[in-house]
Amino acid sequence: MRLALTYAGLLTASGAVLLTLTAVIIIWFPTYSFTPAATVAALAEDTASTPLPLETGLANELSVPALEVASREDLMQLFLAVGGVLLLAVAVLGGYIGWRIAGRMLAPLHEVSVAAKQAATGRLDHRIGLGTPRDELTELAATFDDMLGSLETAFHSHQRFAANASHELRTPLATTRAILDVALATGTVPKREVLVGLREMNERSVETVTALLELADIESAPGTTDARCDLASLVKASAGDVGERARERGISLTADLEAATITGDPRLLRLLADNVIVNAVRHNIEGGFARVCVATEQDRVILEVENSGTAITPEQSHQLTEPFIRLSGRSGADRGHGLGLAIVAAIARRHRAELDLEPRPSGGLRVRVIFPASGS
């Protein structure tokens, strides 16, 4: 309604200005010569015997009224009367056309409102899909559809995360309770093996909770600490901490580190290096290898970790950044907590870095984290 009234008001105001300017021109600028009314009547008597053209006779038969303009005042009265009627007609017609045009222009906003109401009730699968033509409203609808898609993906991911986290925390607690129930049922002092098992279950729970807290802290932090740090030094420290575990399994861990300065949070970058290198050693084969490389390429800094291991498909590698995803299942002595690469992905996003997981043809995985150079 407001748009229609605005259109009609602007159109009426424009018509009024045009009529005013025309009236000013009629009154002030030209000079007119008006024939007296008596002379007009005399001329009519002189031409009475002359045959009228067909058009004039048809006009008389139709009784078309004749308007006599004998002075400037008559001309102005005629102009104002006709102009006022036309201006009123223009205002009414402009209001109707404005209403129709505004309705068609604002129809997409109704679709956006419907989608927003459905999203407010929890339905995130509805899409507006205006398509063409491309304008501000269709761009708004497309942005709203993208937002709904992101919210739907995040919501489903949160549901899977909650379910997997519950399972991960319930499993060691249930195992601990079973061990304690057996010890209570026998009425004997628990053996050392039982206490060691309880310690392992407790340690696994602590690791899982710690990883969950780290992941939550990364994703909820407002931003990274803006500091310049040498990525090679952080990766070297992480590789040194993992070296003993690699030697115990007979895994050859090598590092080719080039000094590379990037801007970010040193604590999070160290955590990223820890997780990606530990992941390369943990998910490896006996006597395998793990290579760590830091290099600069044009205006980017690349951390690449490659390791041997069991063969995986590209589809499986795309799932590894999901929390609690383990390709080897939930069995194994050193299975990990399933959050390593999820933490790596969260830290990479926080630093506007690209994370690429590529399966090796002979088995294992190649992980590349591509950072923008310092200051870019």
Protein backbone atom coordinates (compact mmCIF):
# COMPACT_ATOMS: atom_id res chain seq x y z
CA MET A 1 0.00 0.00 0.00
CA ARG A 2 2.79 2.44 0.87
CA LEU A 3 4.58 1.77 -2.39
CA ALA A 4 1.35 2.14 -4.40
CA LEU A 5 0.51 5.44 -2.69
CA THR A 6 4.06 6.63 -3.26
CA TYR A 7 3.87 5.80 -6.96
CA ALA A 8 0.45 7.50 -7.30
CA GLY A 9 1.60 10.52 -5.28
CA LEU A 10 4.71 11.01 -7.39
CA LEU A 11 2.72 10.63 -10.60
CA THR A 12 0.03 13.07 -9.41
CA ALA A 13 2.62 15.58 -8.21
CA SER A 14 4.39 15.37 -11.58
CA GLY A 15 1.08 15.94 -13.38
CA ALA A 16 0.25 18.90 -11.14
CA VAL A 17 3.63 20.47 -11.81
CA LEU A 18 3.12 19.96 -15.54
CA LEU A 19 -0.34 21.55 -15.42
CA THR A 20 0.98 24.49 -13.40
CA LEU A 21 3.81 25.14 -15.84
CA THR A 22 1.38 24.90 -18.76
CA ALA A 23 -0.99 27.35 -17.08
CA VAL A 24 1.84 29.81 -16.47
CA ILE A 25 2.83 29.57 -20.11
CA ILE A 26 -0.76 30.12 -21.28
CA ILE A 27 -1.24 33.16 -19.05
CA TRP A 28 2.06 34.99 -19.33
CA PHE A 29 4.00 34.12 -22.45
CA PRO A 30 1.89 33.99 -25.68
CA THR A 31 -0.43 36.78 -26.96
CA TYR A 32 -3.85 35.65 -28.08
CA SER A 33 -6.36 37.25 -30.41
CA PHE A 34 -9.98 36.30 -29.56
CA THR A 35 -12.87 36.94 -31.99
CA PRO A 36 -15.96 38.51 -30.39
CA ALA A 37 -18.98 36.23 -30.02
CA ALA A 38 -21.19 38.38 -32.30
CA THR A 39 -18.74 38.03 -35.16
CA VAL A 40 -18.79 34.30 -34.71
CA ALA A 41 -22.61 34.25 -35.01
CA ALA A 42 -22.51 36.41 -38.13
CA LEU A 43 -20.01 34.12 -39.72
CA ALA A 44 -22.27 31.21 -38.94
CA GLU A 45 -25.22 32.89 -40.78
CA ASP A 46 -23.05 33.68 -43.80
CA THR A 47 -21.96 30.07 -44.12
CA ALA A 48 -25.42 28.56 -43.50
CA SER A 49 -26.05 28.09 -47.22
CA THR A 50 -22.67 26.41 -47.77
CA PRO A 51 -22.81 22.57 -47.66
CA LEU A 52 -20.97 21.24 -44.61
CA PRO A 53 -18.37 18.52 -44.91
CA LEU A 54 -19.33 14.98 -43.94
CA GLU A 55 -17.40 15.13 -40.66
CA THR A 56 -19.19 18.31 -39.50
CA GLY A 57 -22.60 16.92 -40.33
CA LEU A 58 -21.80 13.72 -38.42
CA ALA A 59 -20.71 15.77 -35.43
CA ASN A 60 -23.94 17.75 -35.43
CA GLU A 61 -25.99 14.55 -35.67
CA LEU A 62 -24.15 13.21 -32.63
CA SER A 63 -24.89 16.45 -30.76
CA VAL A 64 -21.27 17.11 -29.84
CA PRO A 65 -21.29 20.13 -27.51
CA ALA A 66 -19.56 23.21 -28.77
CA LEU A 67 -17.27 25.16 -26.44
CA GLU A 68 -16.91 28.88 -26.94
CA VAL A 69 -13.59 30.43 -25.97
CA ALA A 70 -13.91 34.17 -26.26
CA SER A 71 -11.23 35.33 -23.81
CA ARG A 72 -8.13 34.36 -21.96
CA GLU A 73 -10.23 33.69 -18.84
CA ASP A 74 -12.42 31.24 -20.79
CA LEU A 75 -9.33 29.44 -22.02
CA MET A 76 -7.94 29.13 -18.50
CA GLN A 77 -11.24 27.84 -17.09
CA LEU A 78 -11.43 25.25 -19.85
CA PHE A 79 -7.81 24.23 -19.33
CA LEU A 80 -8.16 23.93 -15.56
CA ALA A 81 -11.41 21.94 -15.81
CA VAL A 82 -10.07 19.46 -18.32
CA GLY A 83 -6.67 19.29 -16.61
CA GLY A 84 -8.25 18.64 -13.20
CA VAL A 85 -10.35 15.76 -14.54
CA LEU A 86 -7.37 14.26 -16.33
CA LEU A 87 -5.18 14.69 -13.24
CA LEU A 88 -7.75 12.86 -11.11
CA ALA A 89 -7.90 10.06 -13.68
CA VAL A 90 -4.10 9.85 -13.71
CA ALA A 91 -4.01 9.64 -9.90
CA VAL A 92 -6.56 6.80 -9.79
CA LEU A 93 -4.95 4.92 -12.66
CA GLY A 94 -1.48 5.48 -11.20
CA GLY A 95 -2.60 4.13 -7.83
CA TYR A 96 -4.01 0.97 -9.43
CA ILE A 97 -0.97 0.36 -11.62
CA GLY A 98 1.33 1.10 -8.67
CA TRP A 99 -0.57 -1.42 -6.56
CA ARG A 100 -0.16 -4.11 -9.22
CA ILE A 101 3.52 -3.36 -9.79
CA ALA A 102 4.32 -3.23 -6.08
CA GLY A 103 2.51 -6.53 -5.56
CA ARG A 104 4.58 -8.26 -8.24
CA MET A 105 7.80 -6.72 -6.96
CA LEU A 106 7.18 -7.70 -3.34
CA ALA A 107 5.86 -11.22 -4.03
CA PRO A 108 9.35 -12.77 -3.47
CA LEU A 109 9.45 -11.23 0.01
CA HIS A 110 6.35 -13.23 0.88
CA GLU A 111 8.21 -16.41 -0.09
CA VAL A 112 11.14 -15.36 2.10
CA SER A 113 8.74 -14.73 4.98
CA VAL A 114 7.18 -18.19 4.56
CA ALA A 115 10.60 -19.84 4.55
CA ALA A 116 11.66 -17.87 7.64
CA LYS A 117 8.51 -18.94 9.52
CA GLN A 118 9.12 -22.59 8.62
CA ALA A 119 12.74 -22.30 9.71
CA ALA A 120 11.59 -20.83 13.02
CA THR A 121 9.54 -23.98 13.64
CA GLY A 122 12.56 -26.23 12.98
CA ARG A 123 11.99 -27.02 9.28
CA LEU A 124 15.27 -26.26 7.55
CA ASP A 125 14.67 -28.26 4.37
CA HIS A 126 12.44 -25.64 2.70
CA ARG A 127 14.01 -23.62 -0.13
CA ILE A 128 12.67 -20.53 -1.88
CA GLY A 129 14.29 -21.09 -5.27
CA LEU A 130 13.19 -17.92 -7.09
CA GLY A 131 15.61 -18.40 -9.97
CA THR A 132 15.53 -15.72 -12.64
CA PRO A 133 15.47 -12.82 -13.24
CA ARG A 134 18.48 -11.89 -11.19
CA ASP A 135 17.86 -8.80 -9.07
CA GLU A 136 18.19 -7.70 -5.44
CA LEU A 137 15.22 -9.77 -4.27
CA THR A 138 16.33 -12.98 -5.99
CA GLU A 139 19.83 -12.41 -4.59
CA LEU A 140 18.29 -12.08 -1.13
CA ALA A 141 16.32 -15.30 -1.65
CA ALA A 142 19.43 -17.16 -2.87
CA THR A 143 21.39 -15.94 0.16
CA PHE A 144 18.55 -17.06 2.43
CA ASP A 145 18.55 -20.51 0.75
CA ASP A 146 22.31 -20.79 1.28
CA MET A 147 21.87 -19.84 4.93
CA LEU A 148 19.16 -22.49 5.37
CA GLY A 149 21.43 -25.08 3.76
CA SER A 150 24.29 -24.20 6.07
CA LEU A 151 22.01 -24.30 9.11
CA GLU A 152 20.60 -27.68 8.06
CA THR A 153 24.08 -29.12 7.57
CA ALA A 154 25.27 -27.74 10.91
CA PHE A 155 22.16 -29.02 12.69
CA HIS A 156 22.54 -32.55 11.33
CA SER A 157 26.26 -32.47 12.10
CA HIS A 158 25.48 -31.39 15.67
CA GLN A 159 23.00 -34.26 16.03
CA ARG A 160 25.56 -36.80 14.79
CA PHE A 161 28.20 -35.28 17.04
CA ALA A 162 25.97 -35.49 20.12
CA ALA A 163 25.04 -39.10 19.37
CA ASN A 164 28.66 -40.14 18.75
CA ALA A 165 29.93 -38.26 21.80
CA SER A 166 27.34 -39.97 23.98
CA HIS A 167 28.38 -43.35 22.66
CA GLU A 168 32.07 -42.62 23.11
CA LEU A 169 31.59 -41.57 26.72
CA ARG A 170 29.16 -44.35 27.54
CA THR A 171 31.38 -47.19 26.28
CA PRO A 172 34.29 -46.76 28.75
CA LEU A 173 31.90 -46.04 31.60
CA ALA A 174 29.95 -49.21 30.86
CA THR A 175 33.20 -51.19 30.65
CA THR A 176 34.37 -49.75 33.97
CA ARG A 177 31.06 -50.63 35.61
CA ALA A 178 31.27 -54.20 34.30
CA ILE A 179 34.78 -54.63 35.73
CA LEU A 180 33.66 -53.27 39.09
CA ASP A 181 30.55 -55.48 39.12
CA VAL A 182 32.70 -58.58 38.54
CA ALA A 183 35.05 -57.56 41.32
CA LEU A 184 32.15 -56.96 43.72
CA ALA A 185 30.44 -60.23 42.78
CA THR A 186 33.54 -62.35 43.47
CA GLY A 187 34.23 -60.59 46.75
CA THR A 188 37.97 -60.67 46.15
CA VAL A 189 40.56 -57.96 46.01
CA PRO A 190 40.89 -56.76 42.39
CA LYS A 191 43.98 -58.05 40.65
CA ARG A 192 46.55 -55.78 39.13
CA GLU A 193 45.22 -56.56 35.64
CA VAL A 194 41.79 -55.29 36.68
CA LEU A 195 43.23 -52.08 38.04
CA VAL A 196 45.27 -51.59 34.87
CA GLY A 197 42.12 -52.08 32.79
CA LEU A 198 40.25 -49.54 34.89
CA ARG A 199 43.13 -47.10 34.48
CA GLU A 200 43.06 -47.56 30.69
CA MET A 201 39.31 -46.98 30.56
CA ASN A 202 39.65 -43.88 32.70
CA GLU A 203 42.52 -42.58 30.60
CA ARG A 204 40.51 -43.09 27.42
CA SER A 205 37.60 -41.17 28.90
CA VAL A 206 39.89 -38.34 29.96
CA GLU A 207 41.41 -38.16 26.46
CA THR A 208 37.98 -38.06 24.84
CA VAL A 209 36.69 -35.34 27.15
CA THR A 210 39.89 -33.32 26.69
CA ALA A 211 39.59 -33.57 22.91
CA LEU A 212 35.93 -32.57 23.07
CA LEU A 213 36.80 -29.53 25.17
CA GLU A 214 39.59 -28.58 22.77
CA LEU A 215 37.26 -28.88 19.79
CA ALA A 216 34.56 -26.84 21.52
CA ASP A 217 37.09 -24.19 22.52
CA ILE A 218 38.39 -23.89 18.94
CA GLU A 219 34.94 -23.61 17.36
CA SER A 220 33.57 -21.16 19.95
CA ALA A 221 36.58 -18.87 20.20
CA PRO A 222 35.91 -15.38 18.79
CA GLY A 223 39.14 -15.36 16.77
CA THR A 224 42.78 -16.26 16.67
CA THR A 225 45.65 -14.44 18.33
CA ASP A 226 47.26 -12.28 15.69
CA ALA A 227 50.91 -13.31 16.07
CA ARG A 228 53.69 -14.12 13.64
CA CYS A 229 55.21 -17.53 14.23
CA ASP A 230 57.50 -19.97 12.45
CA LEU A 231 55.45 -23.00 11.46
CA ALA A 232 58.57 -25.11 10.95
CA SER A 233 59.62 -24.66 14.60
CA LEU A 234 56.19 -25.73 15.85
CA VAL A 235 56.13 -28.79 13.58
CA LYS A 236 59.68 -29.75 14.63
CA ALA A 237 58.64 -29.71 18.30
CA SER A 238 55.59 -31.85 17.56
CA ALA A 239 57.62 -34.37 15.55
CA GLY A 240 60.13 -34.63 18.39
CA ASP A 241 57.38 -35.48 20.87
CA VAL A 242 56.00 -38.22 18.62
CA GLY A 243 59.41 -39.65 17.69
CA GLU A 244 59.54 -42.15 20.59
CA ARG A 245 56.14 -43.61 19.74
CA ALA A 246 57.19 -43.98 16.09
CA ARG A 247 60.38 -45.79 17.03
CA GLU A 248 58.47 -48.22 19.26
CA ARG A 249 56.39 -49.30 16.26
CA GLY A 250 59.34 -49.34 13.86
CA ILE A 251 57.96 -46.42 11.85
CA SER A 252 60.44 -44.20 10.03
CA LEU A 253 59.56 -40.59 10.84
CA THR A 254 61.39 -38.01 8.71
CA ALA A 255 60.99 -34.25 8.51
CA ASP A 256 61.90 -31.75 5.79
CA LEU A 257 61.19 -28.37 7.33
CA GLU A 258 61.68 -25.02 5.61
CA ALA A 259 61.41 -21.86 7.66
CA ALA A 260 58.00 -20.35 6.98
CA THR A 261 56.35 -17.51 8.87
CA ILE A 262 52.57 -17.34 9.13
CA THR A 263 50.13 -15.32 11.22
CA GLY A 264 47.98 -17.18 13.71
CA ASP A 265 47.59 -18.59 17.19
CA PRO A 266 50.78 -20.48 18.15
CA ARG A 267 48.92 -22.68 20.63
CA LEU A 268 46.35 -23.80 18.05
CA LEU A 269 48.99 -24.29 15.37
CA ARG A 270 50.99 -26.50 17.72
CA LEU A 271 47.81 -28.45 18.47
CA LEU A 272 47.21 -28.87 14.73
CA ALA A 273 50.73 -30.18 14.18
CA ASP A 274 50.43 -32.55 17.15
CA ASN A 275 47.20 -34.07 15.90
CA VAL A 276 48.17 -34.49 12.27
CA ILE A 277 51.55 -36.09 13.10
CA VAL A 278 50.14 -38.33 15.86
CA ASN A 279 47.43 -39.38 13.41
CA ALA A 280 50.09 -40.33 10.84
CA VAL A 281 51.91 -42.53 13.35
CA ARG A 282 48.82 -44.01 15.00
CA HIS A 283 47.07 -45.06 11.78
CA ASN A 284 50.11 -46.67 10.25
CA ILE A 285 51.46 -50.16 9.77
CA GLU A 286 54.35 -51.83 11.56
CA GLY A 287 57.60 -50.81 9.88
CA GLY A 288 55.89 -48.11 7.84
CA PHE A 289 56.92 -44.52 7.29
CA ALA A 290 55.70 -40.99 7.98
CA ARG A 291 57.06 -37.90 6.25
CA VAL A 292 56.53 -34.35 7.46
CA CYS A 293 57.24 -31.38 5.20
CA VAL A 294 56.88 -27.61 5.57
CA ALA A 295 57.46 -25.56 2.42
CA THR A 296 56.54 -22.23 0.84
CA GLU A 297 54.89 -22.09 -2.55
CA GLN A 298 54.35 -18.64 -4.07
CA ASP A 299 52.39 -16.75 -1.40
CA ARG A 300 51.33 -19.85 0.55
CA VAL A 301 52.79 -21.99 3.33
CA ILE A 302 52.13 -25.73 3.06
CA LEU A 303 52.28 -28.33 5.81
CA GLU A 304 52.23 -31.82 4.30
CA VAL A 305 52.18 -35.06 6.29
CA GLU A 306 52.25 -38.35 4.40
CA ASN A 307 52.15 -41.82 5.91
CA SER A 308 51.80 -45.43 4.91
CA GLY A 309 48.89 -47.53 6.06
CA THR A 310 45.84 -49.41 4.91
CA ALA A 311 44.23 -48.44 1.62
CA ILE A 312 41.23 -46.11 1.81
CA THR A 313 38.91 -44.67 -0.81
CA PRO A 314 38.44 -40.95 -1.61
CA GLU A 315 34.91 -41.17 -0.18
CA GLN A 316 36.29 -42.47 3.12
CA SER A 317 38.94 -39.74 3.26
CA HIS A 318 36.25 -37.06 2.98
CA GLN A 319 34.60 -38.44 6.12
CA LEU A 320 37.72 -38.32 8.28
CA THR A 321 37.14 -34.74 9.41
CA GLU A 322 33.81 -35.75 10.97
CA PRO A 323 34.05 -36.30 14.74
CA PHE A 324 34.46 -39.92 15.91
CA ILE A 325 34.96 -41.32 12.40
CA ARG A 326 37.41 -44.24 12.43
CA LEU A 327 38.02 -46.29 9.30
CA SER A 328 39.38 -49.18 11.34
CA GLY A 329 36.22 -49.38 13.46
CA ARG A 330 36.10 -49.08 17.25
CA SER A 331 38.52 -51.90 18.01
CA GLY A 332 42.27 -51.78 18.36
CA ALA A 333 44.76 -51.02 21.08
CA ASP A 334 45.67 -47.56 19.79
CA ARG A 335 42.43 -46.53 18.14
CA GLY A 336 42.49 -42.90 19.34
CA HIS A 337 39.47 -40.82 20.21
CA GLY A 338 38.34 -40.08 16.64
CA LEU A 339 38.65 -36.31 16.99
CA GLY A 340 42.16 -35.67 15.67
CA LEU A 341 41.34 -34.60 12.13
CA ALA A 342 38.15 -32.88 13.30
CA ILE A 343 40.36 -30.67 15.48
CA VAL A 344 42.76 -30.15 12.56
CA ALA A 345 39.85 -29.07 10.31
CA ALA A 346 38.52 -26.64 12.93
CA ILE A 347 41.95 -25.03 13.41
CA ALA A 348 42.44 -24.80 9.64
CA ARG A 349 39.10 -23.00 9.26
CA ARG A 350 40.02 -20.65 12.09
CA HIS A 351 43.21 -19.68 10.22
CA ARG A 352 41.51 -19.47 6.78
CA ALA A 353 43.62 -22.42 5.62
CA GLU A 354 42.70 -25.17 3.18
CA LEU A 355 42.69 -28.80 4.36
CA ASP A 356 43.15 -31.49 1.72
CA LEU A 357 43.03 -35.23 2.48
CA GLU A 358 44.25 -37.45 -0.34
CA PRO A 359 44.50 -41.26 -0.18
CA ARG A 360 47.80 -42.74 -1.35
CA PRO A 361 47.53 -45.36 -4.12
CA SER A 362 49.69 -47.80 -2.14
CA GLY A 363 47.83 -47.20 1.11
CA GLY A 364 47.86 -44.52 3.75
CA LEU A 365 46.99 -40.85 3.60
CA ARG A 366 48.46 -37.54 2.50
CA VAL A 367 47.33 -34.51 4.52
CA ARG A 368 47.98 -31.01 3.21
CA VAL A 369 47.23 -27.85 5.19
CA ILE A 370 47.68 -24.74 3.03
CA PHE A 371 48.05 -21.48 4.92
CA PRO A 372 48.07 -17.98 3.48
CA ALA A 373 51.47 -16.39 3.91
CA SER A 374 52.06 -13.99 6.79
CA GLY A 375 50.39 -10.63 6.13
CA SER A 376 48.06 -11.92 3.37
